[in-house]
Amino acid sequence: MAHTIEALNPVLRGWVNYFRFTQGKRALEELDGWLRRRVRCLLWRQAKHRRGRTTMLRRQGLPEARAWRSARNGQGPWWNAGARHMLDAFPKRFFDRQGLEALLDTQQRLQRCS
């Protein structure tokens, strides 16, 4: 996870710097959401098995029964990445703590500095 975020941040900074003076924020919000969903998808795939997924969700604070049901729902990684259980387990603040740069936050910070 750390390696992925480390590789993503320079690319994200480049995108934000290129679109620094953009007035519309919707595109950046959508791209931000898609990016976090993609990283959640990677987390789901990293856990590989139902037991690992249950453990991963439990560590993030989901109740035992909900984590167990979520890990065994039979849906694919992309579906699960957008599902409520993954959004509750890995909210935006989780990615902020991990160091993933949010496009909209970075753009607003750059606009204030300019």
C-alpha atoms as a PDB file:
ATOM      1  CA  MET A   1       0.000   0.000   0.000  1.00  0.00           C
ATOM      2  CA  ALA A   2       2.750   2.447   0.930  1.00  0.00           C
ATOM      3  CA  HIS A   3       4.612   1.693  -2.287  1.00  0.00           C
ATOM      4  CA  THR A   4       1.475   2.292  -4.379  1.00  0.00           C
ATOM      5  CA  ILE A   5       0.777   5.622  -2.692  1.00  0.00           C
ATOM      6  CA  GLU A   6       4.431   6.592  -3.027  1.00  0.00           C
ATOM      7  CA  ALA A   7       4.251   5.944  -6.777  1.00  0.00           C
ATOM      8  CA  LEU A   8       0.882   7.713  -7.196  1.00  0.00           C
ATOM      9  CA  ASN A   9       1.597  10.963  -5.369  1.00  0.00           C
ATOM     10  CA  PRO A  10       4.073  12.481  -7.882  1.00  0.00           C
ATOM     11  CA  VAL A  11       1.666  11.726 -10.729  1.00  0.00           C
ATOM     12  CA  LEU A  12      -1.234  13.264  -8.808  1.00  0.00           C
ATOM     13  CA  ARG A  13       0.823  16.350  -7.971  1.00  0.00           C
ATOM     14  CA  GLY A  14       1.636  16.728 -11.667  1.00  0.00           C
ATOM     15  CA  TRP A  15      -2.037  16.504 -12.635  1.00  0.00           C
ATOM     16  CA  VAL A  16      -3.058  19.022 -10.008  1.00  0.00           C
ATOM     17  CA  ASN A  17      -0.283  21.396 -11.004  1.00  0.00           C
ATOM     18  CA  TYR A  18      -1.357  21.174 -14.648  1.00  0.00           C
ATOM     19  CA  PHE A  19      -5.012  21.878 -13.779  1.00  0.00           C
ATOM     20  CA  ARG A  20      -4.215  24.316 -10.969  1.00  0.00           C
ATOM     21  CA  PHE A  21      -6.278  27.213 -12.331  1.00  0.00           C
ATOM     22  CA  THR A  22      -9.362  25.163 -13.194  1.00  0.00           C
ATOM     23  CA  GLN A  23     -12.530  26.715 -11.811  1.00  0.00           C
ATOM     24  CA  GLY A  24     -14.708  23.596 -11.878  1.00  0.00           C
ATOM     25  CA  LYS A  25     -14.144  21.175  -9.059  1.00  0.00           C
ATOM     26  CA  ARG A  26     -16.525  18.393 -10.102  1.00  0.00           C
ATOM     27  CA  ALA A  27     -14.023  16.669 -12.408  1.00  0.00           C
ATOM     28  CA  LEU A  28     -11.392  16.598  -9.666  1.00  0.00           C
ATOM     29  CA  GLU A  29     -13.924  15.282  -7.142  1.00  0.00           C
ATOM     30  CA  GLU A  30     -14.946  12.484  -9.502  1.00  0.00           C
ATOM     31  CA  LEU A  31     -11.349  11.597 -10.286  1.00  0.00           C
ATOM     32  CA  ASP A  32     -10.527  11.624  -6.574  1.00  0.00           C
ATOM     33  CA  GLY A  33     -13.422   9.283  -5.826  1.00  0.00           C
ATOM     34  CA  TRP A  34     -12.485   6.960  -8.676  1.00  0.00           C
ATOM     35  CA  LEU A  35      -8.883   6.857  -7.494  1.00  0.00           C
ATOM     36  CA  ARG A  36      -9.820   5.967  -3.913  1.00  0.00           C
ATOM     37  CA  ARG A  37     -12.200   3.288  -5.222  1.00  0.00           C
ATOM     38  CA  ARG A  38      -9.376   1.854  -7.323  1.00  0.00           C
ATOM     39  CA  VAL A  39      -7.090   1.703  -4.273  1.00  0.00           C
ATOM     40  CA  ARG A  40      -9.889   0.015  -2.283  1.00  0.00           C
ATOM     41  CA  CYS A  41     -10.134  -2.499  -5.122  1.00  0.00           C
ATOM     42  CA  LEU A  42      -6.406  -3.180  -4.760  1.00  0.00           C
ATOM     43  CA  LEU A  43      -6.843  -3.662  -1.008  1.00  0.00           C
ATOM     44  CA  TRP A  44      -9.674  -6.141  -1.637  1.00  0.00           C
ATOM     45  CA  ARG A  45      -7.522  -8.086  -4.080  1.00  0.00           C
ATOM     46  CA  GLN A  46      -4.539  -8.004  -1.746  1.00  0.00           C
ATOM     47  CA  ALA A  47      -6.517  -9.808   0.951  1.00  0.00           C
ATOM     48  CA  LYS A  48      -7.088 -12.650  -1.591  1.00  0.00           C
ATOM     49  CA  HIS A  49      -9.245 -14.996   0.489  1.00  0.00           C
ATOM     50  CA  ARG A  50     -12.408 -14.666   2.525  1.00  0.00           C
ATOM     51  CA  ARG A  51     -10.611 -15.131   5.811  1.00  0.00           C
ATOM     52  CA  GLY A  52      -8.097 -12.416   4.952  1.00  0.00           C
ATOM     53  CA  ARG A  53     -10.837 -10.057   3.833  1.00  0.00           C
ATOM     54  CA  THR A  54     -12.765 -10.649   7.035  1.00  0.00           C
ATOM     55  CA  THR A  55      -9.634  -9.927   9.068  1.00  0.00           C
ATOM     56  CA  MET A  56      -8.888  -6.785   7.030  1.00  0.00           C
ATOM     57  CA  LEU A  57     -12.399  -5.422   7.572  1.00  0.00           C
ATOM     58  CA  ARG A  58     -12.347  -6.309  11.288  1.00  0.00           C
ATOM     59  CA  ARG A  59      -9.046  -4.427  11.732  1.00  0.00           C
ATOM     60  CA  GLN A  60     -10.681  -1.370  10.216  1.00  0.00           C
ATOM     61  CA  GLY A  61     -13.448  -1.462  12.823  1.00  0.00           C
ATOM     62  CA  LEU A  62     -16.337  -3.289  11.163  1.00  0.00           C
ATOM     63  CA  PRO A  63     -18.369  -5.601  13.423  1.00  0.00           C
ATOM     64  CA  GLU A  64     -17.598  -9.317  13.116  1.00  0.00           C
ATOM     65  CA  ALA A  65     -20.921 -10.281  11.491  1.00  0.00           C
ATOM     66  CA  ARG A  66     -20.809  -7.468   8.947  1.00  0.00           C
ATOM     67  CA  ALA A  67     -17.174  -8.186   8.035  1.00  0.00           C
ATOM     68  CA  TRP A  68     -17.964 -11.878   7.626  1.00  0.00           C
ATOM     69  CA  ARG A  69     -21.006 -11.200   5.386  1.00  0.00           C
ATOM     70  CA  SER A  70     -19.088  -8.657   3.321  1.00  0.00           C
ATOM     71  CA  ALA A  71     -16.125 -10.937   2.734  1.00  0.00           C
ATOM     72  CA  ARG A  72     -18.415 -13.736   1.552  1.00  0.00           C
ATOM     73  CA  ASN A  73     -20.825 -11.762  -0.644  1.00  0.00           C
ATOM     74  CA  GLY A  74     -19.600 -13.319  -3.909  1.00  0.00           C
ATOM     75  CA  GLN A  75     -19.239 -10.010  -5.724  1.00  0.00           C
ATOM     76  CA  GLY A  76     -16.110  -8.904  -7.551  1.00  0.00           C
ATOM     77  CA  PRO A  77     -13.387  -6.529  -6.361  1.00  0.00           C
ATOM     78  CA  TRP A  78     -14.697  -3.440  -8.216  1.00  0.00           C
ATOM     79  CA  TRP A  79     -18.209  -3.904  -6.835  1.00  0.00           C
ATOM     80  CA  ASN A  80     -16.875  -4.379  -3.317  1.00  0.00           C
ATOM     81  CA  ALA A  81     -14.601  -1.343  -3.637  1.00  0.00           C
ATOM     82  CA  GLY A  82     -17.699   0.829  -4.037  1.00  0.00           C
ATOM     83  CA  ALA A  83     -19.844  -0.995  -1.493  1.00  0.00           C
ATOM     84  CA  ARG A  84     -20.847   0.543   1.816  1.00  0.00           C
ATOM     85  CA  HIS A  85     -18.728  -1.842   3.902  1.00  0.00           C
ATOM     86  CA  MET A  86     -15.524  -0.751   2.119  1.00  0.00           C
ATOM     87  CA  LEU A  87     -16.504   2.924   2.290  1.00  0.00           C
ATOM     88  CA  ASP A  88     -17.043   2.568   6.035  1.00  0.00           C
ATOM     89  CA  ALA A  89     -13.813   0.619   6.546  1.00  0.00           C
ATOM     90  CA  PHE A  90     -11.657   2.831   4.298  1.00  0.00           C
ATOM     91  CA  PRO A  91     -13.044   6.384   4.247  1.00  0.00           C
ATOM     92  CA  LYS A  92     -11.241   9.381   2.767  1.00  0.00           C
ATOM     93  CA  ARG A  93      -9.527  10.154   6.067  1.00  0.00           C
ATOM     94  CA  PHE A  94      -7.900   6.686   5.975  1.00  0.00           C
ATOM     95  CA  PHE A  95      -6.230   7.579   2.691  1.00  0.00           C
ATOM     96  CA  ASP A  96      -5.311  11.008   4.034  1.00  0.00           C
ATOM     97  CA  ARG A  97      -3.527   9.336   6.963  1.00  0.00           C
ATOM     98  CA  GLN A  98      -1.761   6.982   4.554  1.00  0.00           C
ATOM     99  CA  GLY A  99      -0.437   9.996   2.651  1.00  0.00           C
ATOM    100  CA  LEU A 100      -2.504   9.757  -0.542  1.00  0.00           C
ATOM    101  CA  GLU A 101      -2.871  13.277  -1.880  1.00  0.00           C
ATOM    102  CA  ALA A 102      -6.434  14.371  -2.548  1.00  0.00           C
ATOM    103  CA  LEU A 103      -6.594  16.221  -5.867  1.00  0.00           C
ATOM    104  CA  LEU A 104      -9.169  18.789  -4.815  1.00  0.00           C
ATOM    105  CA  ASP A 105      -7.459  19.580  -1.501  1.00  0.00           C
ATOM    106  CA  THR A 106      -4.093  19.991  -3.223  1.00  0.00           C
ATOM    107  CA  GLN A 107      -5.582  22.207  -5.930  1.00  0.00           C
ATOM    108  CA  GLN A 108      -7.261  24.458  -3.370  1.00  0.00           C
ATOM    109  CA  ARG A 109      -4.009  24.718  -1.411  1.00  0.00           C
ATOM    110  CA  LEU A 110      -2.101  25.678  -4.577  1.00  0.00           C
ATOM    111  CA  GLN A 111      -4.713  28.296  -5.505  1.00  0.00           C
ATOM    112  CA  ARG A 112      -4.444  29.899  -2.064  1.00  0.00           C
ATOM    113  CA  CYS A 113      -0.653  30.096  -2.406  1.00  0.00           C
ATOM    114  CA  SER A 114      -0.787  31.669  -5.884  1.00  0.00           C
END
